[in-house]
Amino acid sequence: MTLIQTNNIWKTYDMGAVQVHALRGVSISIDKGEYIAIMGPSGSGKSTLMNLIGCLDTPSQGEYHLNGKRVSQMLDDELAAIRNKEIGFVFQTFNLMPRSTALQNVELPLIYGGHSREERLAMARRALEVVHLGERMLHKPNELSGGQRQRVAIARALVNEPSLLLADEPTGNIDTKTGDEIMQLFNELHRNGNTIILVTHEMEVARCAERILFIRDGMIEKEEIVRRAS
């Protein structure tokens, strides 16, 4: 079943007398349960594409459907509601509240969803258990390692049970060994049925996915199916 469908997506920025085309007619289709990596050099358009997929921005032209909803023409309030319900974000810089515990950080997105305090805490605990941080729930970010902080960020992204997990350079702020552990966690989440899109400049990270989309000059240059050893 198709989760993401873009048709001839363009993103154009007016820079005075010059127009800059960050995306040029991108058409992609991603099914529920897929694990996709988006790769490209700096300035290729991969961050712009990620922002559009994540409903952080809208295209200049073209159509984008997410989980059956036409989001390309939505207004800001509608996009915010879609983001909260459908998408879990994982950022390179973790973006955790420093004075809040892991549990409170994971609970935060639920405050806007109308859940009771008891429901929020139960859902946050479950999400932290999923990322194997059940024993660190009451620790604050400065009491956690970089890998543990990224796991808290992943739990926060998962807590609403979104349709899509969108990760931007998820290993960019941690060492190689910890990065390998985070990618193993993404593999586990994918096996459990999560749809994952990760944006990366590292081929080793991209090859953890099932399919790699290479973007250059605002266009999908090629696509690669990852052959994993059985």
C-alpha atoms as a PDB file:
ATOM      1  CA  MET A   1       0.000   0.000   0.000  1.00  0.00           C
ATOM      2  CA  THR A   2       1.410   3.390  -1.015  1.00  0.00           C
ATOM      3  CA  LEU A   3       2.302   5.724   1.858  1.00  0.00           C
ATOM      4  CA  ILE A   4       4.112   8.499  -0.045  1.00  0.00           C
ATOM      5  CA  GLN A   5       3.457   9.619  -3.597  1.00  0.00           C
ATOM      6  CA  THR A   6       4.985  12.721  -5.149  1.00  0.00           C
ATOM      7  CA  ASN A   7       4.181  13.743  -8.715  1.00  0.00           C
ATOM      8  CA  ASN A   8       6.426  16.255 -10.520  1.00  0.00           C
ATOM      9  CA  ILE A   9       7.387  18.114  -7.332  1.00  0.00           C
ATOM     10  CA  TRP A  10       9.256  21.386  -7.833  1.00  0.00           C
ATOM     11  CA  LYS A  11      10.607  23.728  -5.167  1.00  0.00           C
ATOM     12  CA  THR A  12      11.704  27.132  -6.424  1.00  0.00           C
ATOM     13  CA  TYR A  13      13.142  30.002  -4.398  1.00  0.00           C
ATOM     14  CA  ASP A  14      13.127  33.590  -5.639  1.00  0.00           C
ATOM     15  CA  MET A  15      16.527  35.129  -4.914  1.00  0.00           C
ATOM     16  CA  GLY A  16      15.952  38.657  -6.148  1.00  0.00           C
ATOM     17  CA  ALA A  17      16.115  38.546  -9.937  1.00  0.00           C
ATOM     18  CA  VAL A  18      17.242  34.902  -9.921  1.00  0.00           C
ATOM     19  CA  GLN A  19      15.150  31.776  -9.415  1.00  0.00           C
ATOM     20  CA  VAL A  20      16.812  28.794  -7.741  1.00  0.00           C
ATOM     21  CA  HIS A  21      15.240  25.403  -8.418  1.00  0.00           C
ATOM     22  CA  ALA A  22      16.021  23.259  -5.359  1.00  0.00           C
ATOM     23  CA  LEU A  23      13.843  20.414  -6.669  1.00  0.00           C
ATOM     24  CA  ARG A  24      13.107  19.787 -10.337  1.00  0.00           C
ATOM     25  CA  GLY A  25      10.187  17.503 -11.068  1.00  0.00           C
ATOM     26  CA  VAL A  26      10.731  14.813  -8.422  1.00  0.00           C
ATOM     27  CA  SER A  27       8.336  11.870  -8.599  1.00  0.00           C
ATOM     28  CA  ILE A  28       8.739   9.074  -6.053  1.00  0.00           C
ATOM     29  CA  SER A  29       6.560   6.344  -4.591  1.00  0.00           C
ATOM     30  CA  ILE A  30       7.185   4.723  -1.194  1.00  0.00           C
ATOM     31  CA  ASP A  31       5.069   1.913   0.219  1.00  0.00           C
ATOM     32  CA  LYS A  32       4.128   1.333   3.829  1.00  0.00           C
ATOM     33  CA  GLY A  33       6.799  -0.687   5.599  1.00  0.00           C
ATOM     34  CA  GLU A  34       9.638   0.323   3.279  1.00  0.00           C
ATOM     35  CA  TYR A  35      13.076   1.394   4.500  1.00  0.00           C
ATOM     36  CA  ILE A  36      14.488   4.111   2.216  1.00  0.00           C
ATOM     37  CA  ALA A  37      17.699   6.139   2.239  1.00  0.00           C
ATOM     38  CA  ILE A  38      18.064   9.461   0.399  1.00  0.00           C
ATOM     39  CA  MET A  39      21.624  10.384  -0.560  1.00  0.00           C
ATOM     40  CA  GLY A  40      23.155  13.333  -2.343  1.00  0.00           C
ATOM     41  CA  PRO A  41      25.970  15.873  -2.146  1.00  0.00           C
ATOM     42  CA  SER A  42      25.613  19.197  -0.366  1.00  0.00           C
ATOM     43  CA  GLY A  43      23.166  21.398  -2.286  1.00  0.00           C
ATOM     44  CA  SER A  44      21.642  18.454  -4.153  1.00  0.00           C
ATOM     45  CA  GLY A  45      18.142  19.046  -2.789  1.00  0.00           C
ATOM     46  CA  LYS A  46      17.984  16.164  -0.313  1.00  0.00           C
ATOM     47  CA  SER A  47      17.218  18.423   2.658  1.00  0.00           C
ATOM     48  CA  THR A  48      14.535  20.241   0.645  1.00  0.00           C
ATOM     49  CA  LEU A  49      12.993  16.889  -0.294  1.00  0.00           C
ATOM     50  CA  MET A  50      13.094  15.780   3.333  1.00  0.00           C
ATOM     51  CA  ASN A  51      11.351  18.987   4.426  1.00  0.00           C
ATOM     52  CA  LEU A  52       8.596  18.440   1.860  1.00  0.00           C
ATOM     53  CA  ILE A  53       8.138  14.765   2.776  1.00  0.00           C
ATOM     54  CA  GLY A  54       8.028  15.808   6.443  1.00  0.00           C
ATOM     55  CA  CYS A  55       5.381  18.483   5.758  1.00  0.00           C
ATOM     56  CA  LEU A  56       7.723  21.192   7.015  1.00  0.00           C
ATOM     57  CA  ASP A  57       7.330  22.939   3.668  1.00  0.00           C
ATOM     58  CA  THR A  58       5.103  22.814   0.588  1.00  0.00           C
ATOM     59  CA  PRO A  59       6.110  22.449  -3.081  1.00  0.00           C
ATOM     60  CA  SER A  60       6.051  25.318  -5.553  1.00  0.00           C
ATOM     61  CA  GLN A  61       4.270  23.009  -7.966  1.00  0.00           C
ATOM     62  CA  GLY A  62       3.366  19.336  -8.223  1.00  0.00           C
ATOM     63  CA  GLU A  63       1.410  17.084  -5.872  1.00  0.00           C
ATOM     64  CA  TYR A  64       2.303  15.215  -2.702  1.00  0.00           C
ATOM     65  CA  HIS A  65       0.035  12.613  -1.112  1.00  0.00           C
ATOM     66  CA  LEU A  66       0.841  11.197   2.332  1.00  0.00           C
ATOM     67  CA  ASN A  67      -1.171   8.220   3.555  1.00  0.00           C
ATOM     68  CA  GLY A  68      -3.967   9.063   1.123  1.00  0.00           C
ATOM     69  CA  LYS A  69      -4.099  12.766   2.027  1.00  0.00           C
ATOM     70  CA  ARG A  70      -3.196  15.493  -0.470  1.00  0.00           C
ATOM     71  CA  VAL A  71      -0.832  17.573   1.659  1.00  0.00           C
ATOM     72  CA  SER A  72       0.787  19.652  -1.099  1.00  0.00           C
ATOM     73  CA  GLN A  73      -1.981  22.282  -0.901  1.00  0.00           C
ATOM     74  CA  MET A  74      -2.499  22.316   2.873  1.00  0.00           C
ATOM     75  CA  LEU A  75      -2.213  25.421   5.029  1.00  0.00           C
ATOM     76  CA  ASP A  76       0.190  25.713   7.957  1.00  0.00           C
ATOM     77  CA  ASP A  77      -2.301  24.597  10.634  1.00  0.00           C
ATOM     78  CA  GLU A  78      -3.279  21.550   8.592  1.00  0.00           C
ATOM     79  CA  LEU A  79       0.365  20.676   7.986  1.00  0.00           C
ATOM     80  CA  ALA A  80       1.097  20.937  11.721  1.00  0.00           C
ATOM     81  CA  ALA A  81      -1.718  18.490  12.464  1.00  0.00           C
ATOM     82  CA  ILE A  82      -0.415  16.057   9.822  1.00  0.00           C
ATOM     83  CA  ARG A  83       3.127  16.287  11.217  1.00  0.00           C
ATOM     84  CA  ASN A  84       1.938  15.564  14.733  1.00  0.00           C
ATOM     85  CA  LYS A  85      -0.149  12.574  13.695  1.00  0.00           C
ATOM     86  CA  GLU A  86       1.675  11.005  10.767  1.00  0.00           C
ATOM     87  CA  ILE A  87       5.406  11.767  11.112  1.00  0.00           C
ATOM     88  CA  GLY A  88       8.069  11.100  13.732  1.00  0.00           C
ATOM     89  CA  PHE A  89      11.260  13.151  13.308  1.00  0.00           C
ATOM     90  CA  VAL A  90      14.767  12.134  14.376  1.00  0.00           C
ATOM     91  CA  PHE A  91      17.389  14.886  14.081  1.00  0.00           C
ATOM     92  CA  GLN A  92      21.171  14.790  14.143  1.00  0.00           C
ATOM     93  CA  THR A  93      21.280  17.161  17.124  1.00  0.00           C
ATOM     94  CA  PHE A  94      18.754  15.220  19.280  1.00  0.00           C
ATOM     95  CA  ASN A  95      16.801  18.424  20.183  1.00  0.00           C
ATOM     96  CA  LEU A  96      16.072  17.284  23.746  1.00  0.00           C
ATOM     97  CA  MET A  97      14.927  19.537  26.590  1.00  0.00           C
ATOM     98  CA  PRO A  98      18.011  19.627  28.869  1.00  0.00           C
ATOM     99  CA  ARG A  99      16.155  20.053  32.181  1.00  0.00           C
ATOM    100  CA  SER A 100      13.577  17.342  31.478  1.00  0.00           C
ATOM    101  CA  THR A 101      13.941  13.611  32.039  1.00  0.00           C
ATOM    102  CA  ALA A 102      13.955  11.120  29.183  1.00  0.00           C
ATOM    103  CA  LEU A 103      10.351  10.268  30.061  1.00  0.00           C
ATOM    104  CA  GLN A 104       9.286  13.922  29.981  1.00  0.00           C
ATOM    105  CA  ASN A 105      11.072  14.481  26.650  1.00  0.00           C
ATOM    106  CA  VAL A 106       9.302  11.518  25.062  1.00  0.00           C
ATOM    107  CA  GLU A 107       5.957  12.568  26.523  1.00  0.00           C
ATOM    108  CA  LEU A 108       6.163  16.076  25.024  1.00  0.00           C
ATOM    109  CA  PRO A 109       4.520  15.424  21.592  1.00  0.00           C
ATOM    110  CA  LEU A 110       1.537  13.824  23.341  1.00  0.00           C
ATOM    111  CA  ILE A 111       0.636  17.007  25.216  1.00  0.00           C
ATOM    112  CA  TYR A 112      -0.832  18.401  21.975  1.00  0.00           C
ATOM    113  CA  GLY A 113      -2.816  15.242  21.256  1.00  0.00           C
ATOM    114  CA  GLY A 114      -5.443  15.486  23.987  1.00  0.00           C
ATOM    115  CA  HIS A 115      -4.196  12.455  25.956  1.00  0.00           C
ATOM    116  CA  SER A 116      -4.584  12.292  29.715  1.00  0.00           C
ATOM    117  CA  ARG A 117      -1.498  12.469  31.922  1.00  0.00           C
ATOM    118  CA  GLU A 118      -1.745   8.731  32.664  1.00  0.00           C
ATOM    119  CA  GLU A 119      -2.058   7.873  28.966  1.00  0.00           C
ATOM    120  CA  ARG A 120       0.917  10.070  28.087  1.00  0.00           C
ATOM    121  CA  LEU A 121       3.174   8.485  30.683  1.00  0.00           C
ATOM    122  CA  ALA A 122       2.162   4.949  29.681  1.00  0.00           C
ATOM    123  CA  MET A 123       2.798   5.668  25.985  1.00  0.00           C
ATOM    124  CA  ALA A 124       6.144   7.345  26.744  1.00  0.00           C
ATOM    125  CA  ARG A 125       7.252   4.391  28.891  1.00  0.00           C
ATOM    126  CA  ARG A 126       6.348   1.963  26.097  1.00  0.00           C
ATOM    127  CA  ALA A 127       8.327   3.978  23.541  1.00  0.00           C
ATOM    128  CA  LEU A 128      11.396   4.050  25.795  1.00  0.00           C
ATOM    129  CA  GLU A 129      11.123   0.292  26.305  1.00  0.00           C
ATOM    130  CA  VAL A 130      11.081  -0.165  22.513  1.00  0.00           C
ATOM    131  CA  VAL A 131      14.469   1.600  22.230  1.00  0.00           C
ATOM    132  CA  HIS A 132      15.854  -0.344  25.218  1.00  0.00           C
ATOM    133  CA  LEU A 133      16.017   2.607  27.625  1.00  0.00           C
ATOM    134  CA  GLY A 134      13.574   1.362  30.237  1.00  0.00           C
ATOM    135  CA  GLU A 135      16.163   1.759  32.988  1.00  0.00           C
ATOM    136  CA  ARG A 136      17.064   5.341  32.016  1.00  0.00           C
ATOM    137  CA  MET A 137      13.595   6.922  31.976  1.00  0.00           C
ATOM    138  CA  LEU A 138      14.255   9.342  34.812  1.00  0.00           C
ATOM    139  CA  HIS A 139      17.701  10.438  33.628  1.00  0.00           C
ATOM    140  CA  LYS A 140      18.214  13.884  32.114  1.00  0.00           C
ATOM    141  CA  PRO A 141      20.099  14.306  28.809  1.00  0.00           C
ATOM    142  CA  ASN A 142      23.370  15.325  30.497  1.00  0.00           C
ATOM    143  CA  GLU A 143      23.251  12.026  32.397  1.00  0.00           C
ATOM    144  CA  LEU A 144      23.044  10.012  29.179  1.00  0.00           C
ATOM    145  CA  SER A 145      25.587   9.103  26.506  1.00  0.00           C
ATOM    146  CA  GLY A 146      25.243  10.417  22.959  1.00  0.00           C
ATOM    147  CA  GLY A 147      23.787   7.111  21.813  1.00  0.00           C
ATOM    148  CA  GLN A 148      21.299   7.054  24.669  1.00  0.00           C
ATOM    149  CA  ARG A 149      20.230  10.629  23.875  1.00  0.00           C
ATOM    150  CA  GLN A 150      19.603   9.608  20.261  1.00  0.00           C
ATOM    151  CA  ARG A 151      17.530   6.669  21.524  1.00  0.00           C
ATOM    152  CA  VAL A 152      15.439   9.102  23.576  1.00  0.00           C
ATOM    153  CA  ALA A 153      14.954  11.175  20.415  1.00  0.00           C
ATOM    154  CA  ILE A 154      13.887   8.043  18.514  1.00  0.00           C
ATOM    155  CA  ALA A 155      11.456   7.099  21.292  1.00  0.00           C
ATOM    156  CA  ARG A 156       9.983  10.610  21.115  1.00  0.00           C
ATOM    157  CA  ALA A 157       9.560  10.188  17.357  1.00  0.00           C
ATOM    158  CA  LEU A 158       7.798   6.836  17.876  1.00  0.00           C
ATOM    159  CA  VAL A 159       5.528   7.768  20.769  1.00  0.00           C
ATOM    160  CA  ASN A 160       2.588   8.870  18.590  1.00  0.00           C
ATOM    161  CA  GLU A 161       2.850   5.664  16.530  1.00  0.00           C
ATOM    162  CA  PRO A 162       3.357   7.693  13.329  1.00  0.00           C
ATOM    163  CA  SER A 163       2.964   6.384   9.796  1.00  0.00           C
ATOM    164  CA  LEU A 164       6.512   7.474   8.952  1.00  0.00           C
ATOM    165  CA  LEU A 165       9.815   7.756  10.808  1.00  0.00           C
ATOM    166  CA  LEU A 166      11.944  10.457   9.154  1.00  0.00           C
ATOM    167  CA  ALA A 167      15.610  10.605  10.222  1.00  0.00           C
ATOM    168  CA  ASP A 168      18.020  13.363   9.196  1.00  0.00           C
ATOM    169  CA  GLU A 169      21.684  12.258   9.510  1.00  0.00           C
ATOM    170  CA  PRO A 170      20.807  10.159  12.605  1.00  0.00           C
ATOM    171  CA  THR A 171      24.430   9.060  13.191  1.00  0.00           C
ATOM    172  CA  GLY A 172      26.052  12.419  12.421  1.00  0.00           C
ATOM    173  CA  ASN A 173      26.589  13.462  16.041  1.00  0.00           C
ATOM    174  CA  ILE A 174      27.822  10.176  17.532  1.00  0.00           C
ATOM    175  CA  ASP A 175      30.890   7.952  17.208  1.00  0.00           C
ATOM    176  CA  THR A 176      31.076   5.040  14.776  1.00  0.00           C
ATOM    177  CA  LYS A 177      30.393   2.259  17.294  1.00  0.00           C
ATOM    178  CA  THR A 178      27.374   4.074  18.721  1.00  0.00           C
ATOM    179  CA  GLY A 179      26.218   4.886  15.196  1.00  0.00           C
ATOM    180  CA  ASP A 180      26.279   1.169  14.360  1.00  0.00           C
ATOM    181  CA  GLU A 181      24.098   0.487  17.402  1.00  0.00           C
ATOM    182  CA  ILE A 182      21.600   3.166  16.316  1.00  0.00           C
ATOM    183  CA  MET A 183      21.421   1.664  12.817  1.00  0.00           C
ATOM    184  CA  GLN A 184      20.806  -1.759  14.350  1.00  0.00           C
ATOM    185  CA  LEU A 185      17.916  -0.180  16.242  1.00  0.00           C
ATOM    186  CA  PHE A 186      16.500   1.242  12.992  1.00  0.00           C
ATOM    187  CA  ASN A 187      16.747  -2.240  11.457  1.00  0.00           C
ATOM    188  CA  GLU A 188      14.830  -3.629  14.419  1.00  0.00           C
ATOM    189  CA  LEU A 189      12.149  -0.936  14.111  1.00  0.00           C
ATOM    190  CA  HIS A 190      11.820  -1.714  10.403  1.00  0.00           C
ATOM    191  CA  ARG A 191      11.427  -5.428  11.094  1.00  0.00           C
ATOM    192  CA  ASN A 192       8.636  -4.472  13.479  1.00  0.00           C
ATOM    193  CA  GLY A 193       6.769  -2.775  10.623  1.00  0.00           C
ATOM    194  CA  ASN A 194       7.854   0.867  10.772  1.00  0.00           C
ATOM    195  CA  THR A 195       8.269   2.853   7.550  1.00  0.00           C
ATOM    196  CA  ILE A 196      11.634   4.633   7.688  1.00  0.00           C
ATOM    197  CA  ILE A 197      13.217   7.293   5.495  1.00  0.00           C
ATOM    198  CA  LEU A 198      16.701   8.422   6.407  1.00  0.00           C
ATOM    199  CA  VAL A 199      18.688  11.237   4.829  1.00  0.00           C
ATOM    200  CA  THR A 200      22.434  10.684   4.928  1.00  0.00           C
ATOM    201  CA  HIS A 201      25.682  11.446   3.137  1.00  0.00           C
ATOM    202  CA  GLU A 202      27.275   8.194   4.353  1.00  0.00           C
ATOM    203  CA  MET A 203      27.029   5.200   2.018  1.00  0.00           C
ATOM    204  CA  GLU A 204      27.591   2.773   4.874  1.00  0.00           C
ATOM    205  CA  VAL A 205      24.533   4.175   6.639  1.00  0.00           C
ATOM    206  CA  ALA A 206      22.470   4.266   3.437  1.00  0.00           C
ATOM    207  CA  ARG A 207      23.171   0.592   2.780  1.00  0.00           C
ATOM    208  CA  CYS A 208      21.278  -0.307   5.945  1.00  0.00           C
ATOM    209  CA  ALA A 209      18.113   0.590   4.011  1.00  0.00           C
ATOM    210  CA  GLU A 210      16.353  -1.540   1.394  1.00  0.00           C
ATOM    211  CA  ARG A 211      16.419   1.100  -1.328  1.00  0.00           C
ATOM    212  CA  ILE A 212      18.616   4.151  -1.933  1.00  0.00           C
ATOM    213  CA  LEU A 213      17.449   7.220  -3.865  1.00  0.00           C
ATOM    214  CA  PHE A 214      20.331   9.320  -5.186  1.00  0.00           C
ATOM    215  CA  ILE A 215      19.487  12.991  -5.713  1.00  0.00           C
ATOM    216  CA  ARG A 216      21.596  15.493  -7.639  1.00  0.00           C
ATOM    217  CA  ASP A 217      20.794  18.989  -8.904  1.00  0.00           C
ATOM    218  CA  GLY A 218      17.249  18.680  -7.566  1.00  0.00           C
ATOM    219  CA  MET A 219      16.439  15.504  -9.489  1.00  0.00           C
ATOM    220  CA  ILE A 220      16.435  11.796  -8.696  1.00  0.00           C
ATOM    221  CA  GLU A 221      19.587  10.692 -10.499  1.00  0.00           C
ATOM    222  CA  LYS A 222      19.266   6.959  -9.905  1.00  0.00           C
ATOM    223  CA  GLU A 223      17.911   4.332  -7.537  1.00  0.00           C
ATOM    224  CA  GLU A 224      19.617   1.323  -6.028  1.00  0.00           C
ATOM    225  CA  ILE A 225      18.100  -1.761  -4.446  1.00  0.00           C
ATOM    226  CA  VAL A 226      20.312  -2.925  -1.569  1.00  0.00           C
ATOM    227  CA  ARG A 227      21.240  -6.588  -1.741  1.00  0.00           C
ATOM    228  CA  ARG A 228      21.683  -7.862   1.786  1.00  0.00           C
ATOM    229  CA  ALA A 229      23.528 -11.049   2.592  1.00  0.00           C
ATOM    230  CA  SER A 230      21.115 -13.760   3.692  1.00  0.00           C
END
